[in-house]
Amino acid sequence: MPYSWDMSALAAEPRSVPLTQLPRGGRATVDMSAVDHDDARVLRAMGLRPNAQVKVCRHGEPCIVKLSHCCGHGCRIGLSRRLAECVMVCPCE
């Protein structure tokens, strides 16, 4: 019996987009898959890690995002456009 794809499962998976494609005020979960090793190290040092929750505060140079932490507090960080384009995120609904 040939294997059949369950297309409903594929459609339910969130799609990653570059951070720069989120609208201002947009929220997302970080997926660092497109970031090279050196950039990932810098981002982790700033608190931007895989599965982190972010909100876009401002586009441009720098792109400003708010990081939300589990304690309810957060911080804002600025990213160069080049770096923000490399950070892949899964938009929240």
PDB file of N, CA and C in Angstrom:
ATOM      1  N   MET A   1       0.849  -1.186   0.000  1.00  0.00           N
ATOM      2  CA  MET A   1       0.000   0.000   0.000  1.00  0.00           C
ATOM      3  C   MET A   1       0.890   1.243   0.000  1.00  0.00           C
ATOM      4  N   PRO A   2       0.717   2.142  -0.958  1.00  0.00           N
ATOM      5  CA  PRO A   2       1.551   3.346  -1.006  1.00  0.00           C
ATOM      6  C   PRO A   2       1.239   4.294   0.154  1.00  0.00           C
ATOM      7  N   TYR A   3       2.240   5.028   0.546  1.00  0.00           N
ATOM      8  CA  TYR A   3       2.098   6.007   1.629  1.00  0.00           C
ATOM      9  C   TYR A   3       1.289   7.188   1.113  1.00  0.00           C
ATOM     10  N   SER A   4       0.344   7.645   1.890  1.00  0.00           N
ATOM     11  CA  SER A   4      -0.420   8.840   1.506  1.00  0.00           C
ATOM     12  C   SER A   4      -0.079   9.977   2.465  1.00  0.00           C
ATOM     13  N   TRP A   5       0.044  11.156   1.902  1.00  0.00           N
ATOM     14  CA  TRP A   5       0.348  12.350   2.698  1.00  0.00           C
ATOM     15  C   TRP A   5      -0.916  12.864   3.351  1.00  0.00           C
ATOM     16  N   ASP A   6      -0.818  13.238   4.604  1.00  0.00           N
ATOM     17  CA  ASP A   6      -1.933  13.875   5.296  1.00  0.00           C
ATOM     18  C   ASP A   6      -1.769  15.381   5.115  1.00  0.00           C
ATOM     19  N   MET A   7      -2.430  15.944   4.121  1.00  0.00           N
ATOM     20  CA  MET A   7      -2.273  17.358   3.780  1.00  0.00           C
ATOM     21  C   MET A   7      -2.802  18.277   4.878  1.00  0.00           C
ATOM     22  N   SER A   8      -3.755  17.835   5.683  1.00  0.00           N
ATOM     23  CA  SER A   8      -4.264  18.693   6.755  1.00  0.00           C
ATOM     24  C   SER A   8      -3.188  18.944   7.807  1.00  0.00           C
ATOM     25  N   ALA A   9      -2.335  17.953   8.054  1.00  0.00           N
ATOM     26  CA  ALA A   9      -1.241  18.134   9.014  1.00  0.00           C
ATOM     27  C   ALA A   9      -0.231  19.138   8.477  1.00  0.00           C
ATOM     28  N   LEU A  10       0.047  19.095   7.173  1.00  0.00           N
ATOM     29  CA  LEU A  10       0.994  20.042   6.590  1.00  0.00           C
ATOM     30  C   LEU A  10       0.442  21.463   6.622  1.00  0.00           C
ATOM     31  N   ALA A  11      -0.835  21.615   6.367  1.00  0.00           N
ATOM     32  CA  ALA A  11      -1.448  22.946   6.350  1.00  0.00           C
ATOM     33  C   ALA A  11      -1.476  23.557   7.745  1.00  0.00           C
ATOM     34  N   ALA A  12      -1.512  22.720   8.785  1.00  0.00           N
ATOM     35  CA  ALA A  12      -1.602  23.231  10.151  1.00  0.00           C
ATOM     36  C   ALA A  12      -0.259  23.704  10.692  1.00  0.00           C
ATOM     37  N   GLU A  13       0.844  23.298  10.043  1.00  0.00           N
ATOM     38  CA  GLU A  13       2.162  23.702  10.524  1.00  0.00           C
ATOM     39  C   GLU A  13       2.372  25.184  10.248  1.00  0.00           C
ATOM     40  N   PRO A  14       2.864  25.937  11.253  1.00  0.00           N
ATOM     41  CA  PRO A  14       3.120  27.359  11.021  1.00  0.00           C
ATOM     42  C   PRO A  14       4.291  27.540  10.059  1.00  0.00           C
ATOM     43  N   ARG A  15       4.208  28.545   9.241  1.00  0.00           N
ATOM     44  CA  ARG A  15       5.270  28.839   8.284  1.00  0.00           C
ATOM     45  C   ARG A  15       6.165  29.932   8.841  1.00  0.00           C
ATOM     46  N   SER A  16       7.456  29.731   8.703  1.00  0.00           N
ATOM     47  CA  SER A  16       8.413  30.736   9.151  1.00  0.00           C
ATOM     48  C   SER A  16       8.574  31.805   8.083  1.00  0.00           C
ATOM     49  N   VAL A  17       8.693  33.047   8.540  1.00  0.00           N
ATOM     50  CA  VAL A  17       8.935  34.188   7.660  1.00  0.00           C
ATOM     51  C   VAL A  17      10.052  35.013   8.284  1.00  0.00           C
ATOM     52  N   PRO A  18      10.752  35.824   7.492  1.00  0.00           N
ATOM     53  CA  PRO A  18      11.757  36.711   8.080  1.00  0.00           C
ATOM     54  C   PRO A  18      11.097  37.708   9.038  1.00  0.00           C
ATOM     55  N   LEU A  19      11.793  38.049  10.085  1.00  0.00           N
ATOM     56  CA  LEU A  19      11.293  39.007  11.077  1.00  0.00           C
ATOM     57  C   LEU A  19      10.855  40.306  10.405  1.00  0.00           C
ATOM     58  N   THR A  20      11.537  40.709   9.351  1.00  0.00           N
ATOM     59  CA  THR A  20      11.220  41.957   8.664  1.00  0.00           C
ATOM     60  C   THR A  20       9.862  41.920   7.963  1.00  0.00           C
ATOM     61  N   GLN A  21       9.265  40.740   7.794  1.00  0.00           N
ATOM     62  CA  GLN A  21       7.958  40.645   7.139  1.00  0.00           C
ATOM     63  C   GLN A  21       6.785  40.747   8.113  1.00  0.00           C
ATOM     64  N   LEU A  22       7.064  40.739   9.404  1.00  0.00           N
ATOM     65  CA  LEU A  22       5.981  40.925  10.374  1.00  0.00           C
ATOM     66  C   LEU A  22       5.556  42.381  10.367  1.00  0.00           C
ATOM     67  N   PRO A  23       4.264  42.653  10.512  1.00  0.00           N
ATOM     68  CA  PRO A  23       3.833  44.048  10.595  1.00  0.00           C
ATOM     69  C   PRO A  23       4.219  44.649  11.948  1.00  0.00           C
ATOM     70  N   ARG A  24       4.236  45.956  12.011  1.00  0.00           N
ATOM     71  CA  ARG A  24       4.483  46.624  13.292  1.00  0.00           C
ATOM     72  C   ARG A  24       3.394  46.178  14.264  1.00  0.00           C
ATOM     73  N   GLY A  25       3.802  45.757  15.455  1.00  0.00           N
ATOM     74  CA  GLY A  25       2.866  45.245  16.445  1.00  0.00           C
ATOM     75  C   GLY A  25       2.652  43.738  16.325  1.00  0.00           C
ATOM     76  N   GLY A  26       3.194  43.143  15.251  1.00  0.00           N
ATOM     77  CA  GLY A  26       3.044  41.710  15.046  1.00  0.00           C
ATOM     78  C   GLY A  26       3.831  40.908  16.071  1.00  0.00           C
ATOM     79  N   ARG A  27       3.269  39.790  16.476  1.00  0.00           N
ATOM     80  CA  ARG A  27       3.911  38.907  17.453  1.00  0.00           C
ATOM     81  C   ARG A  27       4.279  37.594  16.777  1.00  0.00           C
ATOM     82  N   ALA A  28       5.372  36.987  17.255  1.00  0.00           N
ATOM     83  CA  ALA A  28       5.833  35.742  16.652  1.00  0.00           C
ATOM     84  C   ALA A  28       6.725  34.972  17.620  1.00  0.00           C
ATOM     85  N   THR A  29       6.964  33.722  17.261  1.00  0.00           N
ATOM     86  CA  THR A  29       7.892  32.866  17.986  1.00  0.00           C
ATOM     87  C   THR A  29       9.141  32.719  17.122  1.00  0.00           C
ATOM     88  N   VAL A  30      10.304  32.856  17.720  1.00  0.00           N
ATOM     89  CA  VAL A  30      11.565  32.833  16.984  1.00  0.00           C
ATOM     90  C   VAL A  30      11.950  31.415  16.581  1.00  0.00           C
ATOM     91  N   ASP A  31      12.407  31.293  15.332  1.00  0.00           N
ATOM     92  CA  ASP A  31      12.970  30.068  14.770  1.00  0.00           C
ATOM     93  C   ASP A  31      14.290  30.483  14.142  1.00  0.00           C
ATOM     94  N   MET A  32      15.401  30.137  14.748  1.00  0.00           N
ATOM     95  CA  MET A  32      16.707  30.646  14.324  1.00  0.00           C
ATOM     96  C   MET A  32      17.333  29.843  13.191  1.00  0.00           C
ATOM     97  N   SER A  33      16.568  29.117  12.411  1.00  0.00           N
ATOM     98  CA  SER A  33      17.109  28.200  11.421  1.00  0.00           C
ATOM     99  C   SER A  33      17.952  28.856  10.330  1.00  0.00           C
ATOM    100  N   ALA A  34      17.712  30.105   9.987  1.00  0.00           N
ATOM    101  CA  ALA A  34      18.429  30.738   8.889  1.00  0.00           C
ATOM    102  C   ALA A  34      19.613  31.592   9.342  1.00  0.00           C
ATOM    103  N   VAL A  35      19.934  31.587  10.623  1.00  0.00           N
ATOM    104  CA  VAL A  35      20.998  32.432  11.163  1.00  0.00           C
ATOM    105  C   VAL A  35      22.293  31.628  11.253  1.00  0.00           C
ATOM    106  N   ASP A  36      23.393  32.224  10.775  1.00  0.00           N
ATOM    107  CA  ASP A  36      24.664  31.506  10.861  1.00  0.00           C
ATOM    108  C   ASP A  36      25.159  31.449  12.306  1.00  0.00           C
ATOM    109  N   HIS A  37      26.150  30.623  12.539  1.00  0.00           N
ATOM    110  CA  HIS A  37      26.621  30.340  13.902  1.00  0.00           C
ATOM    111  C   HIS A  37      27.043  31.601  14.661  1.00  0.00           C
ATOM    112  N   ASP A  38      27.839  32.462  14.029  1.00  0.00           N
ATOM    113  CA  ASP A  38      28.327  33.666  14.715  1.00  0.00           C
ATOM    114  C   ASP A  38      27.188  34.627  15.064  1.00  0.00           C
ATOM    115  N   ASP A  39      26.265  34.827  14.106  1.00  0.00           N
ATOM    116  CA  ASP A  39      25.126  35.705  14.379  1.00  0.00           C
ATOM    117  C   ASP A  39      24.223  35.110  15.458  1.00  0.00           C
ATOM    118  N   ALA A  40      24.036  33.789  15.428  1.00  0.00           N
ATOM    119  CA  ALA A  40      23.193  33.136  16.440  1.00  0.00           C
ATOM    120  C   ALA A  40      23.774  33.344  17.833  1.00  0.00           C
ATOM    121  N   ARG A  41      25.087  33.300  17.946  1.00  0.00           N
ATOM    122  CA  ARG A  41      25.748  33.508  19.239  1.00  0.00           C
ATOM    123  C   ARG A  41      25.490  34.924  19.755  1.00  0.00           C
ATOM    124  N   VAL A  42      25.571  35.904  18.886  1.00  0.00           N
ATOM    125  CA  VAL A  42      25.320  37.296  19.267  1.00  0.00           C
ATOM    126  C   VAL A  42      23.854  37.480  19.677  1.00  0.00           C
ATOM    127  N   LEU A  43      22.936  36.902  18.897  1.00  0.00           N
ATOM    128  CA  LEU A  43      21.515  37.026  19.208  1.00  0.00           C
ATOM    129  C   LEU A  43      21.167  36.367  20.538  1.00  0.00           C
ATOM    130  N   ARG A  44      21.744  35.195  20.794  1.00  0.00           N
ATOM    131  CA  ARG A  44      21.493  34.530  22.079  1.00  0.00           C
ATOM    132  C   ARG A  44      21.990  35.376  23.240  1.00  0.00           C
ATOM    133  N   ALA A  45      23.129  36.049  23.056  1.00  0.00           N
ATOM    134  CA  ALA A  45      23.678  36.908  24.116  1.00  0.00           C
ATOM    135  C   ALA A  45      22.735  38.079  24.419  1.00  0.00           C
ATOM    136  N   MET A  46      21.968  38.512  23.405  1.00  0.00           N
ATOM    137  CA  MET A  46      21.009  39.601  23.611  1.00  0.00           C
ATOM    138  C   MET A  46      19.668  39.092  24.138  1.00  0.00           C
ATOM    139  N   GLY A  47      19.506  37.762  24.207  1.00  0.00           N
ATOM    140  CA  GLY A  47      18.261  37.187  24.712  1.00  0.00           C
ATOM    141  C   GLY A  47      17.323  36.685  23.637  1.00  0.00           C
ATOM    142  N   LEU A  48      17.711  36.823  22.372  1.00  0.00           N
ATOM    143  CA  LEU A  48      16.878  36.358  21.261  1.00  0.00           C
ATOM    144  C   LEU A  48      17.266  34.917  20.960  1.00  0.00           C
ATOM    145  N   ARG A  49      16.465  33.992  21.451  1.00  0.00           N
ATOM    146  CA  ARG A  49      16.745  32.563  21.358  1.00  0.00           C
ATOM    147  C   ARG A  49      15.605  31.850  20.655  1.00  0.00           C
ATOM    148  N   PRO A  50      15.843  30.618  20.195  1.00  0.00           N
ATOM    149  CA  PRO A  50      14.749  29.848  19.601  1.00  0.00           C
ATOM    150  C   PRO A  50      13.573  29.735  20.579  1.00  0.00           C
ATOM    151  N   ASN A  51      12.384  29.845  20.056  1.00  0.00           N
ATOM    152  CA  ASN A  51      11.118  29.776  20.803  1.00  0.00           C
ATOM    153  C   ASN A  51      10.818  31.015  21.646  1.00  0.00           C
ATOM    154  N   ALA A  52      11.669  32.034  21.587  1.00  0.00           N
ATOM    155  CA  ALA A  52      11.384  33.282  22.299  1.00  0.00           C
ATOM    156  C   ALA A  52      10.189  33.967  21.637  1.00  0.00           C
ATOM    157  N   GLN A  53       9.404  34.668  22.434  1.00  0.00           N
ATOM    158  CA  GLN A  53       8.257  35.427  21.923  1.00  0.00           C
ATOM    159  C   GLN A  53       8.717  36.861  21.663  1.00  0.00           C
ATOM    160  N   VAL A  54       8.427  37.372  20.460  1.00  0.00           N
ATOM    161  CA  VAL A  54       8.826  38.733  20.103  1.00  0.00           C
ATOM    162  C   VAL A  54       7.639  39.518  19.567  1.00  0.00           C
ATOM    163  N   LYS A  55       7.752  40.844  19.683  1.00  0.00           N
ATOM    164  CA  LYS A  55       6.767  41.769  19.114  1.00  0.00           C
ATOM    165  C   LYS A  55       7.545  42.851  18.384  1.00  0.00           C
ATOM    166  N   VAL A  56       7.173  43.141  17.150  1.00  0.00           N
ATOM    167  CA  VAL A  56       7.857  44.174  16.371  1.00  0.00           C
ATOM    168  C   VAL A  56       7.389  45.543  16.849  1.00  0.00           C
ATOM    169  N   CYS A  57       8.322  46.344  17.315  1.00  0.00           N
ATOM    170  CA  CYS A  57       8.009  47.705  17.770  1.00  0.00           C
ATOM    171  C   CYS A  57       8.268  48.732  16.667  1.00  0.00           C
ATOM    172  N   ARG A  58       9.305  48.474  15.853  1.00  0.00           N
ATOM    173  CA  ARG A  58       9.662  49.422  14.806  1.00  0.00           C
ATOM    174  C   ARG A  58      10.449  48.709  13.725  1.00  0.00           C
ATOM    175  N   HIS A  59      10.137  49.010  12.467  1.00  0.00           N
ATOM    176  CA  HIS A  59      10.919  48.518  11.336  1.00  0.00           C
ATOM    177  C   HIS A  59      11.974  49.549  11.005  1.00  0.00           C
ATOM    178  N   GLY A  60      12.945  49.173  10.232  1.00  0.00           N
ATOM    179  CA  GLY A  60      13.959  50.124   9.798  1.00  0.00           C
ATOM    180  C   GLY A  60      15.319  49.754  10.330  1.00  0.00           C
ATOM    181  N   GLU A  61      16.137  50.750  10.464  1.00  0.00           N
ATOM    182  CA  GLU A  61      17.517  50.559  10.897  1.00  0.00           C
ATOM    183  C   GLU A  61      17.738  51.392  12.144  1.00  0.00           C
ATOM    184  N   PRO A  62      17.707  50.842  13.338  1.00  0.00           N
ATOM    185  CA  PRO A  62      17.555  49.416  13.617  1.00  0.00           C
ATOM    186  C   PRO A  62      16.084  48.979  13.670  1.00  0.00           C
ATOM    187  N   CYS A  63      15.890  47.681  13.491  1.00  0.00           N
ATOM    188  CA  CYS A  63      14.585  47.058  13.704  1.00  0.00           C
ATOM    189  C   CYS A  63      14.495  46.813  15.210  1.00  0.00           C
ATOM    190  N   ILE A  64      13.458  47.327  15.843  1.00  0.00           N
ATOM    191  CA  ILE A  64      13.345  47.185  17.298  1.00  0.00           C
ATOM    192  C   ILE A  64      12.258  46.169  17.617  1.00  0.00           C
ATOM    193  N   VAL A  65      12.633  45.183  18.432  1.00  0.00           N
ATOM    194  CA  VAL A  65      11.681  44.157  18.848  1.00  0.00           C
ATOM    195  C   VAL A  65      11.657  44.071  20.360  1.00  0.00           C
ATOM    196  N   LYS A  66      10.497  43.712  20.886  1.00  0.00           N
ATOM    197  CA  LYS A  66      10.360  43.496  22.319  1.00  0.00           C
ATOM    198  C   LYS A  66      10.375  42.001  22.559  1.00  0.00           C
ATOM    199  N   LEU A  67      11.236  41.577  23.467  1.00  0.00           N
ATOM    200  CA  LEU A  67      11.300  40.179  23.870  1.00  0.00           C
ATOM    201  C   LEU A  67      10.431  39.995  25.091  1.00  0.00           C
ATOM    202  N   SER A  68       9.598  38.985  25.081  1.00  0.00           N
ATOM    203  CA  SER A  68       8.760  38.677  26.235  1.00  0.00           C
ATOM    204  C   SER A  68       9.361  37.494  26.965  1.00  0.00           C
ATOM    205  N   HIS A  69       9.501  37.624  28.260  1.00  0.00           N
ATOM    206  CA  HIS A  69      10.056  36.547  29.071  1.00  0.00           C
ATOM    207  C   HIS A  69       8.945  35.885  29.861  1.00  0.00           C
ATOM    208  N   CYS A  70       9.204  34.686  30.346  1.00  0.00           N
ATOM    209  CA  CYS A  70       8.190  33.906  31.057  1.00  0.00           C
ATOM    210  C   CYS A  70       7.707  34.604  32.330  1.00  0.00           C
ATOM    211  N   CYS A  71       8.504  35.504  32.886  1.00  0.00           N
ATOM    212  CA  CYS A  71       8.112  36.186  34.120  1.00  0.00           C
ATOM    213  C   CYS A  71       7.151  37.351  33.852  1.00  0.00           C
ATOM    214  N   GLY A  72       6.861  37.593  32.572  1.00  0.00           N
ATOM    215  CA  GLY A  72       5.948  38.676  32.233  1.00  0.00           C
ATOM    216  C   GLY A  72       6.648  39.970  31.885  1.00  0.00           C
ATOM    217  N   HIS A  73       7.930  40.062  32.178  1.00  0.00           N
ATOM    218  CA  HIS A  73       8.707  41.255  31.845  1.00  0.00           C
ATOM    219  C   HIS A  73       9.403  41.024  30.519  1.00  0.00           C
ATOM    220  N   GLY A  74       9.904  42.059  29.942  1.00  0.00           N
ATOM    221  CA  GLY A  74      10.611  41.933  28.682  1.00  0.00           C
ATOM    222  C   GLY A  74      11.606  43.052  28.516  1.00  0.00           C
ATOM    223  N   CYS A  75      12.271  43.023  27.385  1.00  0.00           N
ATOM    224  CA  CYS A  75      13.215  44.082  27.053  1.00  0.00           C
ATOM    225  C   CYS A  75      13.118  44.336  25.563  1.00  0.00           C
ATOM    226  N   ARG A  76      13.610  45.474  25.144  1.00  0.00           N
ATOM    227  CA  ARG A  76      13.624  45.817  23.726  1.00  0.00           C
ATOM    228  C   ARG A  76      15.058  45.779  23.236  1.00  0.00           C
ATOM    229  N   ILE A  77      15.236  45.245  22.034  1.00  0.00           N
ATOM    230  CA  ILE A  77      16.565  45.214  21.430  1.00  0.00           C
ATOM    231  C   ILE A  77      16.474  45.744  20.009  1.00  0.00           C
ATOM    232  N   GLY A  78      17.584  46.280  19.519  1.00  0.00           N
ATOM    233  CA  GLY A  78      17.665  46.775  18.145  1.00  0.00           C
ATOM    234  C   GLY A  78      18.538  45.857  17.319  1.00  0.00           C
ATOM    235  N   LEU A  79      18.058  45.540  16.118  1.00  0.00           N
ATOM    236  CA  LEU A  79      18.786  44.667  15.204  1.00  0.00           C
ATOM    237  C   LEU A  79      19.027  45.394  13.890  1.00  0.00           C
ATOM    238  N   SER A  80      20.186  45.164  13.300  1.00  0.00           N
ATOM    239  CA  SER A  80      20.422  45.709  11.968  1.00  0.00           C
ATOM    240  C   SER A  80      19.441  45.061  10.997  1.00  0.00           C
ATOM    241  N   ARG A  81      19.168  45.736   9.899  1.00  0.00           N
ATOM    242  CA  ARG A  81      18.251  45.184   8.903  1.00  0.00           C
ATOM    243  C   ARG A  81      18.768  43.828   8.404  1.00  0.00           C
ATOM    244  N   ARG A  82      20.069  43.731   8.149  1.00  0.00           N
ATOM    245  CA  ARG A  82      20.653  42.479   7.663  1.00  0.00           C
ATOM    246  C   ARG A  82      20.372  41.338   8.631  1.00  0.00           C
ATOM    247  N   LEU A  83      20.559  41.580   9.894  1.00  0.00           N
ATOM    248  CA  LEU A  83      20.341  40.543  10.902  1.00  0.00           C
ATOM    249  C   LEU A  83      18.856  40.229  11.060  1.00  0.00           C
ATOM    250  N   ALA A  84      18.004  41.251  11.054  1.00  0.00           N
ATOM    251  CA  ALA A  84      16.563  41.037  11.182  1.00  0.00           C
ATOM    252  C   ALA A  84      16.018  40.219  10.011  1.00  0.00           C
ATOM    253  N   GLU A  85      16.601  40.386   8.823  1.00  0.00           N
ATOM    254  CA  GLU A  85      16.172  39.612   7.661  1.00  0.00           C
ATOM    255  C   GLU A  85      16.539  38.141   7.785  1.00  0.00           C
ATOM    256  N   CYS A  86      17.551  37.829   8.578  1.00  0.00           N
ATOM    257  CA  CYS A  86      17.988  36.438   8.770  1.00  0.00           C
ATOM    258  C   CYS A  86      17.211  35.704   9.861  1.00  0.00           C
ATOM    259  N   VAL A  87      16.601  36.450  10.769  1.00  0.00           N
ATOM    260  CA  VAL A  87      15.864  35.831  11.864  1.00  0.00           C
ATOM    261  C   VAL A  87      14.500  35.377  11.349  1.00  0.00           C
ATOM    262  N   MET A  88      14.266  34.077  11.367  1.00  0.00           N
ATOM    263  CA  MET A  88      13.000  33.515  10.921  1.00  0.00           C
ATOM    264  C   MET A  88      12.078  33.384  12.135  1.00  0.00           C
ATOM    265  N   VAL A  89      10.808  33.713  11.934  1.00  0.00           N
ATOM    266  CA  VAL A  89       9.822  33.654  13.012  1.00  0.00           C
ATOM    267  C   VAL A  89       8.542  32.986  12.511  1.00  0.00           C
ATOM    268  N   CYS A  90       7.797  32.426  13.439  1.00  0.00           N
ATOM    269  CA  CYS A  90       6.471  31.862  13.144  1.00  0.00           C
ATOM    270  C   CYS A  90       5.442  32.819  13.735  1.00  0.00           C
ATOM    271  N   PRO A  91       4.699  33.535  12.892  1.00  0.00           N
ATOM    272  CA  PRO A  91       3.719  34.502  13.394  1.00  0.00           C
ATOM    273  C   PRO A  91       2.686  33.853  14.313  1.00  0.00           C
ATOM    274  N   CYS A  92       2.305  34.579  15.350  1.00  0.00           N
ATOM    275  CA  CYS A  92       1.258  34.128  16.276  1.00  0.00           C
ATOM    276  C   CYS A  92      -0.073  34.669  15.764  1.00  0.00           C
ATOM    277  N   GLU A  93      -1.113  33.935  16.030  1.00  0.00           N
ATOM    278  CA  GLU A  93      -2.437  34.391  15.596  1.00  0.00           C
ATOM    279  C   GLU A  93      -3.182  35.030  16.721  1.00  0.00           C
TER     280      GLU A  93
END
